[in-house]
N, C-alpha and C. Protein backbone atom coordinates (compact mmCIF):
# COMPACT_ATOMS: atom_id res chain seq x y z
N UNK A 1 123.30 157.58 107.41
CA UNK A 1 122.31 158.43 107.69
C UNK A 1 121.33 158.01 108.80
N UNK A 2 121.24 156.67 108.55
CA UNK A 2 120.19 155.68 109.86
C UNK A 2 120.88 156.23 111.11
N UNK A 3 122.35 155.71 111.26
CA UNK A 3 122.53 156.33 112.51
C UNK A 3 122.99 157.24 113.30
N UNK A 4 122.61 158.36 112.22
CA UNK A 4 122.49 159.89 112.35
C UNK A 4 121.48 160.22 113.35
N UNK A 5 120.43 159.84 112.44
CA UNK A 5 118.94 159.88 112.90
C UNK A 5 119.07 158.92 114.44
N UNK A 6 119.69 157.77 114.35
CA UNK A 6 119.21 157.35 115.79
C UNK A 6 120.00 158.01 117.11
N UNK A 7 121.21 158.55 116.51
CA UNK A 7 121.77 159.48 117.21
C UNK A 7 120.89 160.78 117.68
N UNK A 8 120.68 161.47 116.75
CA UNK A 8 119.80 162.47 116.97
C UNK A 8 118.69 162.25 118.16
N UNK A 9 118.13 161.28 117.89
CA UNK A 9 116.53 160.45 118.45
C UNK A 9 117.40 160.58 120.44
N UNK A 10 118.24 159.77 119.94
CA UNK A 10 118.62 159.45 121.30
C UNK A 10 119.14 160.63 122.20
N UNK A 11 119.96 161.36 121.33
CA UNK A 11 120.04 163.16 122.73
C UNK A 11 118.71 163.61 122.72
N UNK A 12 118.27 163.75 121.48
CA UNK A 12 117.08 164.57 122.17
C UNK A 12 115.97 163.63 123.40
N UNK A 13 115.80 162.49 123.16
CA UNK A 13 115.18 162.00 125.01
C UNK A 13 115.87 162.09 125.41
N UNK A 14 116.96 161.99 125.92
CA UNK A 14 117.76 161.87 126.77
C UNK A 14 118.01 163.72 127.29
N UNK A 15 117.81 164.15 126.12
CA UNK A 15 117.39 165.87 127.13
C UNK A 15 116.08 166.77 127.81
N UNK A 16 115.41 165.72 126.83
CA UNK A 16 113.54 165.82 127.84
C UNK A 16 113.61 165.40 129.23
N UNK A 17 114.49 163.83 129.18
CA UNK A 17 114.73 163.34 130.49
C UNK A 17 115.08 164.35 131.11
N UNK A 18 116.20 164.86 130.89
CA UNK A 18 117.06 165.88 131.88
C UNK A 18 116.06 166.77 132.25
N UNK A 19 115.00 167.54 131.65
CA UNK A 19 114.47 168.33 131.11
C UNK A 19 113.33 168.09 132.13
N UNK A 20 112.91 167.03 132.13
CA UNK A 20 111.43 167.01 133.09
C UNK A 20 111.97 166.52 134.47
N UNK A 21 113.44 166.85 135.33
CA UNK A 21 113.67 166.96 136.58
C UNK A 21 113.65 168.04 137.04
N UNK A 22 113.30 168.83 135.97
CA UNK A 22 113.68 170.75 136.62
C UNK A 22 112.52 171.18 135.74
N UNK A 23 111.26 170.25 135.58
CA UNK A 23 110.38 171.37 135.02
C UNK A 23 109.52 172.30 135.99
N UNK A 24 109.32 173.16 135.76
CA UNK A 24 108.78 174.45 136.17
C UNK A 24 107.26 173.56 136.54
N UNK A 25 106.73 173.80 137.92
CA UNK A 25 105.50 173.53 138.35
C UNK A 25 104.14 174.31 138.05
N UNK A 26 104.52 175.07 137.09
CA UNK A 26 103.36 175.81 136.71
C UNK A 26 103.14 175.43 135.22
N UNK A 27 104.26 174.63 134.38
CA UNK A 27 103.89 174.54 133.52
C UNK A 27 102.49 173.99 132.66
N UNK A 28 102.15 173.66 131.82
CA UNK A 28 100.41 173.36 131.43
C UNK A 28 100.73 171.79 131.51
N UNK A 29 102.09 170.97 131.05
CA UNK A 29 102.34 170.23 130.90
C UNK A 29 102.74 169.13 132.28
N UNK A 30 102.42 167.95 132.78
CA UNK A 30 103.28 167.26 133.59
C UNK A 30 104.23 166.58 132.88
N UNK A 31 105.67 166.68 133.69
CA UNK A 31 107.08 165.21 133.21
C UNK A 31 106.63 164.72 134.50
N UNK A 32 107.34 163.26 134.23
CA UNK A 32 107.44 162.60 134.36
C UNK A 32 108.65 162.22 135.71
N UNK A 33 107.38 162.20 137.00
CA UNK A 33 107.88 162.43 138.30
C UNK A 33 107.65 160.64 138.72
N UNK A 34 108.61 159.87 139.19
CA UNK A 34 108.42 158.91 139.39
C UNK A 34 107.85 158.98 140.82
N UNK A 35 106.73 158.04 141.11
CA UNK A 35 106.43 157.73 142.48
C UNK A 35 106.91 156.43 142.77
N UNK A 36 107.69 156.40 143.91
CA UNK A 36 108.31 155.06 144.48
C UNK A 36 107.50 154.26 144.77
N UNK A 37 107.50 153.35 145.90
CA UNK A 37 107.05 152.23 146.04
C UNK A 37 106.80 152.72 147.77
N UNK A 38 107.70 153.60 148.26
CA UNK A 38 107.49 154.40 149.18
C UNK A 38 106.59 155.21 149.61
N UNK A 39 106.51 155.84 148.53
CA UNK A 39 105.32 157.21 148.46
C UNK A 39 104.37 156.36 148.13
N UNK A 40 104.39 155.14 147.26
CA UNK A 40 103.06 154.56 147.06
C UNK A 40 102.34 154.05 148.12
N UNK A 41 103.44 153.63 148.97
CA UNK A 41 102.70 152.48 150.44
C UNK A 41 101.87 154.44 151.31
N UNK A 42 102.85 155.82 151.26
CA UNK A 42 102.43 156.53 152.13
C UNK A 42 101.43 157.01 151.85
N UNK A 43 101.10 157.16 150.36
CA UNK A 43 99.64 157.22 149.83
C UNK A 43 98.35 156.48 150.41
N UNK A 44 98.85 155.00 149.83
CA UNK A 44 97.80 154.43 150.53
C UNK A 44 97.76 154.09 151.81
N UNK A 45 98.60 154.74 152.76
CA UNK A 45 98.07 155.00 154.31
C UNK A 45 97.37 155.80 154.49
N UNK A 46 98.07 156.83 153.92
CA UNK A 46 96.98 158.49 154.29
C UNK A 46 95.96 158.46 154.02
N UNK A 47 95.66 158.04 152.65
CA UNK A 47 94.05 157.86 152.19
C UNK A 47 93.31 156.70 152.95
N UNK A 48 93.99 155.70 153.77
CA UNK A 48 93.19 154.44 154.31
C UNK A 48 92.25 153.88 153.32
N UNK A 49 93.44 153.36 151.87
CA UNK A 49 92.69 152.51 150.87
C UNK A 49 92.46 151.24 151.53
N UNK A 50 91.68 150.47 151.20
CA UNK A 50 91.13 149.08 151.33
C UNK A 50 91.21 148.30 149.87
N UNK A 51 90.78 147.31 150.03
CA UNK A 51 90.50 146.15 149.18
C UNK A 51 89.23 146.34 148.21
N UNK A 52 88.12 147.10 149.32
CA UNK A 52 87.11 147.56 148.50
C UNK A 52 87.03 149.12 147.62
N UNK A 53 87.98 149.60 147.83
CA UNK A 53 88.12 150.35 147.12
C UNK A 53 88.59 150.66 145.17
N UNK A 54 87.99 151.84 145.16
CA UNK A 54 88.68 151.38 143.75
C UNK A 54 89.19 153.03 142.81
N UNK A 55 90.20 152.39 142.55
CA UNK A 55 91.85 153.74 142.74
C UNK A 55 91.70 154.20 141.09
N UNK A 56 91.58 155.22 140.77
CA UNK A 56 92.01 155.66 139.21
C UNK A 56 93.11 156.72 139.80
N UNK A 57 94.19 156.14 138.68
CA UNK A 57 95.58 157.12 139.12
C UNK A 57 95.61 157.79 137.36
N UNK A 58 95.44 159.21 137.94
CA UNK A 58 95.49 159.90 136.67
C UNK A 58 97.18 160.08 135.92
N UNK A 59 97.43 160.05 134.96
CA UNK A 59 99.14 159.93 134.77
C UNK A 59 99.95 159.17 135.16
N UNK A 60 99.34 157.88 135.23
CA UNK A 60 100.08 156.26 136.28
C UNK A 60 101.39 156.28 135.97
N UNK A 61 101.86 157.12 134.86
CA UNK A 61 103.83 156.59 134.87
C UNK A 61 103.69 155.35 134.49
N UNK A 62 104.42 154.49 135.61
CA UNK A 62 104.86 153.22 135.23
C UNK A 62 103.75 152.35 135.89
N UNK A 63 102.98 152.86 136.46
CA UNK A 63 102.15 151.97 137.31
C UNK A 63 102.33 151.89 138.94
N UNK A 64 103.12 152.62 139.27
CA UNK A 64 103.82 151.93 140.68
C UNK A 64 102.42 151.89 141.69
N UNK A 65 101.60 153.29 142.09
CA UNK A 65 100.85 152.81 142.91
C UNK A 65 99.61 151.87 142.72
N UNK A 66 99.47 151.95 141.70
CA UNK A 66 98.48 150.60 141.36
C UNK A 66 99.31 149.43 141.81
N UNK A 67 100.05 148.91 141.85
CA UNK A 67 100.76 147.57 141.50
C UNK A 67 101.17 147.70 142.58
N UNK A 68 101.59 148.35 143.94
CA UNK A 68 101.68 148.33 145.19
C UNK A 68 100.87 148.21 146.04
N UNK A 69 99.47 149.11 145.20
CA UNK A 69 97.97 148.61 146.16
C UNK A 69 97.57 147.46 145.85
N UNK A 70 97.42 147.21 144.79
CA UNK A 70 97.35 145.98 144.27
C UNK A 70 97.45 144.42 144.70
N UNK A 71 99.03 144.71 144.91
CA UNK A 71 100.00 143.42 145.62
C UNK A 71 99.80 143.64 147.41
N UNK A 72 99.63 144.31 148.03
CA UNK A 72 99.30 144.98 149.46
C UNK A 72 98.14 144.54 150.10
N UNK A 73 97.48 145.14 149.93
CA UNK A 73 95.88 145.35 149.66
C UNK A 73 94.63 144.77 149.09
N UNK A 74 95.29 144.12 147.52
CA UNK A 74 94.50 143.68 146.91
C UNK A 74 93.29 144.58 146.25
N UNK A 75 93.79 145.85 146.12
CA UNK A 75 92.89 146.76 145.72
C UNK A 75 92.70 146.92 144.19
N UNK A 76 91.78 147.47 143.37
CA UNK A 76 91.30 147.26 142.10
C UNK A 76 91.89 148.64 142.03
N UNK A 77 92.05 149.07 140.68
CA UNK A 77 92.12 150.47 139.98
C UNK A 77 92.51 150.26 138.14
N UNK A 78 92.06 151.43 137.85
CA UNK A 78 93.05 152.29 136.55
C UNK A 78 94.05 152.90 136.66
N UNK A 79 94.90 152.73 135.51
CA UNK A 79 95.93 153.50 135.74
C UNK A 79 95.63 154.51 133.87
N UNK A 80 95.26 155.72 134.10
CA UNK A 80 95.42 156.35 133.01
C UNK A 80 96.49 157.11 132.53
N UNK A 81 96.96 157.15 131.18
CA UNK A 81 98.87 157.89 130.99
C UNK A 81 98.65 157.50 129.41
N UNK A 82 99.19 158.72 128.92
CA UNK A 82 98.57 159.00 127.71
C UNK A 82 100.12 158.85 126.75
N UNK A 83 101.49 158.64 127.95
CA UNK A 83 102.41 158.51 126.94
C UNK A 83 102.47 156.37 126.59
N UNK A 84 102.56 156.43 125.44
CA UNK A 84 103.03 155.15 124.87
C UNK A 84 103.69 154.10 125.78
N UNK A 85 104.96 154.14 126.11
CA UNK A 85 106.23 153.95 126.38
C UNK A 85 105.72 153.83 127.77
N UNK A 86 105.37 154.62 128.96
CA UNK A 86 104.58 154.23 130.24
C UNK A 86 104.12 153.12 130.65
N UNK A 87 103.21 153.31 129.62
CA UNK A 87 102.12 152.74 129.44
C UNK A 87 102.36 151.07 129.01
N UNK A 88 103.92 150.93 128.32
CA UNK A 88 103.64 149.58 127.92
C UNK A 88 104.44 149.03 129.08
N UNK A 89 105.64 150.22 129.73
CA UNK A 89 106.23 149.49 131.19
C UNK A 89 105.22 149.10 132.02
N UNK A 90 104.30 149.68 132.09
CA UNK A 90 103.13 149.73 133.64
C UNK A 90 102.21 148.28 132.65
N UNK A 91 101.72 148.51 131.96
CA UNK A 91 101.20 147.02 131.60
C UNK A 91 102.19 145.59 131.87
N UNK A 92 103.92 145.84 131.16
CA UNK A 92 104.44 144.47 131.30
C UNK A 92 104.69 144.53 133.35
N UNK A 93 104.66 145.37 133.69
CA UNK A 93 104.69 145.23 135.27
C UNK A 93 103.62 144.98 135.63
N UNK A 94 102.37 145.34 135.42
CA UNK A 94 100.83 144.84 136.20
C UNK A 94 101.00 143.10 135.73
N UNK A 95 101.23 142.87 134.34
CA UNK A 95 101.48 141.38 134.14
C UNK A 95 102.57 140.24 135.07
N UNK A 96 103.79 141.19 135.19
CA UNK A 96 104.95 140.59 135.98
C UNK A 96 104.19 140.54 137.08
N UNK A 97 103.56 141.39 137.60
CA UNK A 97 102.98 141.72 139.23
C UNK A 97 101.65 140.20 139.69
N UNK A 98 101.19 139.35 138.34
CA UNK A 98 100.15 139.12 138.31
C UNK A 98 99.20 139.82 138.70
N UNK A 99 98.89 140.79 138.23
CA UNK A 99 97.47 141.75 138.75
C UNK A 99 96.80 141.87 137.31
N UNK A 100 96.73 141.59 136.71
CA UNK A 100 96.03 141.09 135.52
C UNK A 100 94.40 141.28 136.17
N UNK A 101 93.33 142.06 135.53
CA UNK A 101 92.01 141.80 136.32
C UNK A 101 91.51 142.92 137.35
N UNK A 102 92.99 142.99 137.91
CA UNK A 102 93.09 143.71 139.40
C UNK A 102 93.42 145.45 138.57
N UNK A 103 93.88 145.44 138.39
CA UNK A 103 94.82 146.38 137.35
C UNK A 103 94.55 146.43 136.12
N UNK A 104 94.12 147.82 135.89
CA UNK A 104 94.24 147.72 134.22
C UNK A 104 94.58 149.49 134.11
N UNK A 105 95.62 149.31 132.89
CA UNK A 105 96.49 150.07 132.19
C UNK A 105 96.31 150.82 130.80
N UNK A 106 95.19 152.05 130.90
CA UNK A 106 94.64 152.41 129.71
C UNK A 106 96.01 153.49 129.25
N UNK A 107 95.81 153.41 127.79
CA UNK A 107 96.51 154.90 127.47
C UNK A 107 95.21 155.59 127.00
N UNK A 108 95.24 157.14 127.48
CA UNK A 108 94.52 158.05 126.92
C UNK A 108 95.29 158.97 127.55
N UNK A 109 93.80 160.10 127.41
CA UNK A 109 94.12 161.68 127.72
C UNK A 109 93.28 161.46 129.40
N UNK A 110 93.57 162.15 130.53
CA UNK A 110 93.15 161.69 131.71
C UNK A 110 92.22 162.88 132.24
N UNK A 111 91.74 163.51 130.71
CA UNK A 111 90.79 164.79 131.11
C UNK A 111 89.51 164.29 130.25
N UNK A 112 89.40 163.27 129.41
CA UNK A 112 88.37 162.38 128.84
C UNK A 112 88.01 161.23 129.44
N UNK A 113 88.44 160.77 130.22
CA UNK A 113 88.58 159.27 131.22
C UNK A 113 87.25 159.57 131.91
N UNK A 114 86.30 158.84 131.99
CA UNK A 114 85.46 158.76 132.63
C UNK A 114 85.56 158.10 133.92
N UNK A 115 85.72 159.21 135.21
CA UNK A 115 86.70 158.66 136.65
C UNK A 115 85.10 158.48 137.59
N UNK A 116 83.86 158.39 137.14
CA UNK A 116 82.81 158.63 138.19
C UNK A 116 82.85 157.14 139.32
N UNK A 117 83.42 156.19 138.68
CA UNK A 117 83.53 154.80 139.58
C UNK A 117 84.22 154.64 140.93
N UNK A 118 85.11 155.97 140.82
CA UNK A 118 86.07 155.93 141.69
C UNK A 118 86.02 156.64 142.96
N UNK A 119 86.45 155.43 143.76
CA UNK A 119 86.35 155.89 145.15
C UNK A 119 87.55 156.47 145.86
N UNK A 120 88.64 156.81 145.20
CA UNK A 120 90.07 157.39 145.44
C UNK A 120 90.87 157.46 143.60
N UNK A 121 90.97 159.08 144.21
CA UNK A 121 91.76 159.27 142.62
C UNK A 121 93.15 159.77 143.03
N UNK A 122 93.88 159.32 142.57
CA UNK A 122 95.04 160.06 142.64
C UNK A 122 96.00 160.33 141.67
N UNK A 123 96.34 161.30 142.47
CA UNK A 123 97.51 162.32 140.99
C UNK A 123 98.35 163.12 142.05
N UNK A 124 99.41 162.86 140.42
CA UNK A 124 101.23 163.74 140.87
C UNK A 124 100.91 164.54 139.73
N UNK A 125 100.55 165.56 139.69
CA UNK A 125 100.66 166.53 138.69
C UNK A 125 100.69 167.78 139.15
N UNK A 126 101.38 169.05 138.64
CA UNK A 126 101.58 169.97 138.07
C UNK A 126 100.47 171.27 138.81
N UNK A 127 100.54 172.29 139.63
CA UNK A 127 99.25 172.93 139.66
C UNK A 127 98.28 173.22 138.71
N UNK A 128 98.88 173.89 137.51
CA UNK A 128 98.07 174.45 136.58
C UNK A 128 96.90 173.05 136.30
N UNK A 129 97.85 171.76 135.65
CA UNK A 129 97.03 170.52 136.09
C UNK A 129 95.53 170.55 137.06
N UNK A 130 96.30 170.40 137.69
CA UNK A 130 95.40 170.28 139.04
C UNK A 130 93.99 171.60 139.26
N UNK A 131 94.38 172.54 138.69
CA UNK A 131 93.29 173.15 138.38
C UNK A 131 92.19 173.21 137.26
N UNK A 132 92.99 172.78 136.60
CA UNK A 132 92.02 171.81 135.40
C UNK A 132 91.11 170.84 135.77
N UNK A 133 91.59 170.02 136.34
CA UNK A 133 90.77 169.30 136.74
C UNK A 133 89.67 169.44 137.94
N UNK A 134 89.67 170.43 138.37
CA UNK A 134 88.44 171.05 139.53
C UNK A 134 87.30 170.46 138.74
N UNK A 135 86.66 171.21 137.62
CA UNK A 135 85.27 170.56 137.36
C UNK A 135 85.06 169.52 136.97
N UNK A 136 86.01 168.55 136.07
CA UNK A 136 85.69 166.91 136.39
C UNK A 136 85.58 166.96 137.41
N UNK A 137 86.51 166.97 138.56
CA UNK A 137 86.48 166.34 139.66
C UNK A 137 84.85 166.53 140.59
N UNK A 138 84.69 168.18 140.31
CA UNK A 138 82.85 168.30 140.58
C UNK A 138 81.82 167.39 139.91
N UNK A 139 82.48 167.22 138.99
CA UNK A 139 80.79 166.64 138.02
C UNK A 139 80.88 164.87 138.17
N UNK A 140 82.06 164.51 138.05
CA UNK A 140 82.27 163.15 137.70
C UNK A 140 81.99 162.14 139.14
N UNK A 141 82.80 162.95 140.30
CA UNK A 141 82.75 162.14 141.25
C UNK A 141 81.75 162.23 142.61
N UNK A 142 81.42 161.72 143.34
CA UNK A 142 80.66 161.04 144.11
C UNK A 142 81.14 162.03 145.46
N UNK A 143 79.99 162.92 146.18
CA UNK A 143 80.87 163.49 147.14
C UNK A 143 81.53 162.12 148.28
N UNK A 144 82.58 162.58 148.75
CA UNK A 144 83.13 161.91 149.60
C UNK A 144 84.34 161.10 149.19
N UNK A 145 84.18 161.19 147.74
CA UNK A 145 85.10 160.34 146.89
C UNK A 145 86.61 161.39 147.59
N UNK A 146 87.73 160.17 147.68
CA UNK A 146 89.11 160.75 147.88
C UNK A 146 89.59 161.16 146.86
N UNK A 147 90.41 162.66 146.76
CA UNK A 147 91.45 162.83 146.12
C UNK A 147 92.63 162.93 146.86
N UNK A 148 93.69 162.20 146.20
CA UNK A 148 94.58 162.18 146.95
C UNK A 148 95.82 163.14 145.82
N UNK A 149 96.82 163.83 146.47
CA UNK A 149 97.40 164.67 145.37
C UNK A 149 99.01 164.46 145.92
N UNK A 150 99.90 164.36 145.23
CA UNK A 150 101.56 163.67 145.68
C UNK A 150 102.35 165.00 145.38
N UNK A 151 102.81 165.89 146.46
CA UNK A 151 103.75 167.19 146.00
C UNK A 151 102.92 168.55 146.10
N UNK A 152 101.58 168.18 144.96
CA UNK A 152 100.89 169.46 145.15
C UNK A 152 99.58 169.87 145.61
N UNK A 153 99.32 170.77 146.81
CA UNK A 153 98.05 170.81 147.82
C UNK A 153 97.19 171.40 146.97
N UNK A 154 96.10 170.92 146.53
CA UNK A 154 94.85 170.89 146.06
C UNK A 154 93.65 172.07 146.62
N UNK A 155 93.63 173.34 146.07
CA UNK A 155 92.78 173.95 147.29
C UNK A 155 91.00 174.29 147.08
N UNK A 156 90.74 173.64 146.34
CA UNK A 156 88.95 173.47 145.98
C UNK A 156 88.93 172.36 147.17
N UNK A 157 89.28 171.98 147.40
CA UNK A 157 88.88 170.64 148.10
C UNK A 157 89.30 170.37 149.77
N UNK A 158 88.43 169.99 151.00
CA UNK A 158 89.19 170.46 152.02
C UNK A 158 89.80 168.98 152.53
N UNK A 159 90.80 169.82 152.58
CA UNK A 159 91.58 168.39 152.90
C UNK A 159 91.17 167.54 154.40
N UNK A 160 91.46 166.34 154.36
CA UNK A 160 90.85 165.01 155.41
C UNK A 160 92.04 164.87 156.12
N UNK A 161 93.30 164.61 155.36
CA UNK A 161 94.26 163.95 156.10
C UNK A 161 95.80 164.63 154.91
N UNK A 162 96.58 164.14 155.87
CA UNK A 162 98.06 164.55 155.05
C UNK A 162 99.11 163.62 155.69
N UNK A 163 100.15 163.43 155.28
CA UNK A 163 101.28 163.09 155.87
C UNK A 163 102.60 164.39 155.10
N UNK A 164 102.50 164.68 155.58
CA UNK A 164 103.67 166.12 154.94
C UNK A 164 105.13 166.10 154.93
N UNK A 165 105.37 164.86 155.76
CA UNK A 165 106.94 164.25 155.46
C UNK A 165 107.11 163.66 154.07
N UNK A 166 106.30 163.32 153.52
CA UNK A 166 106.31 163.00 152.24
C UNK A 166 105.25 163.30 151.30
N UNK A 167 104.79 164.93 151.52
CA UNK A 167 104.16 165.54 151.08
C UNK A 167 102.98 164.63 150.58
N UNK A 168 102.04 164.16 151.23
CA UNK A 168 101.00 163.57 150.76
C UNK A 168 99.76 164.47 151.22
N UNK A 169 98.65 164.51 149.87
CA UNK A 169 97.65 165.51 150.55
C UNK A 169 96.39 164.45 150.20
N UNK A 170 95.69 164.49 151.25
CA UNK A 170 94.47 163.69 151.00
C UNK A 170 93.05 164.83 150.88
N UNK A 171 92.04 164.61 150.39
CA UNK A 171 90.48 165.52 150.02
C UNK A 171 89.60 164.73 150.06
N UNK A 172 88.43 165.12 150.19
CA UNK A 172 87.33 164.86 149.90
C UNK A 172 86.29 165.71 149.08
N UNK A 173 85.77 165.11 147.99
CA UNK A 173 85.12 165.87 147.12
C UNK A 173 84.08 166.56 148.13
N UNK A 174 83.72 167.73 148.06
CA UNK A 174 82.75 168.42 148.70
C UNK A 174 81.39 168.31 147.79
N UNK A 175 80.27 168.34 148.97
CA UNK A 175 78.93 168.21 147.81
C UNK A 175 78.82 169.47 147.25
N UNK A 176 78.58 168.85 146.26
CA UNK A 176 78.11 169.68 144.92
C UNK A 176 77.06 170.91 145.33
N UNK A 177 77.01 172.05 144.91
CA UNK A 177 75.52 172.73 144.79
C UNK A 177 74.74 172.56 143.74
N UNK A 178 73.67 172.50 144.15
CA UNK A 178 72.48 172.37 142.64
C UNK A 178 71.58 173.38 143.53
N UNK A 179 71.08 173.47 141.52
CA UNK A 179 70.18 174.92 141.23
C UNK A 179 68.96 173.96 141.42
N UNK A 180 68.12 174.81 142.26
CA UNK A 180 66.94 174.34 142.75
C UNK A 180 65.92 174.14 141.40
N UNK A 181 65.01 173.42 141.35
CA UNK A 181 64.53 173.37 139.99
C UNK A 181 62.74 174.20 140.29
N UNK A 182 63.09 174.30 141.74
CA UNK A 182 61.57 175.13 141.79
C UNK A 182 61.67 176.73 140.91
N UNK A 183 62.62 177.51 141.15
CA UNK A 183 63.54 178.41 140.22
C UNK A 183 62.19 178.66 138.93
N UNK A 184 62.06 180.22 138.70
CA UNK A 184 61.47 180.07 137.51
C UNK A 184 62.43 181.04 136.67
N UNK A 185 62.85 180.57 135.83
CA UNK A 185 63.41 181.93 134.39
C UNK A 185 62.87 182.52 133.96
């Protein structure tokens, strides 16, 4: 009985993993499409990330971007991931890379995480999720904060740089409109 349960679990897990390879771009959920080291380096270069930046990687997966930035340029950052298995893998990779204190991996919902201290936010999320993040970005991020999207462009901020070959798009948070306190209601 236990063996049958294990086989069913492994089969379902394998099928979900295979499904994530062909995930529809307008799905409300973001599949696990891993960012490799080459893409992480393209993101670092395109966004001009330095050791003085504080990076938030929303949906960080196994932490490749943050680990690469931490090792290569000594950048600091926080990865937010909801999947406990990916969080465990990312945390182990951070420990193995001797980046403890420089890179933190949090298990949580990217919509609930306060990202206001970021100078760079990196996302590899489907268009529907990117649209849902617009209000969060506009309310929590300072003007000029760089938002980097891999694969899917963002339409609500001005593009400031890109690497079309690697599908890396860099945006700057536009000035927020303010309601004048002089207006009488």
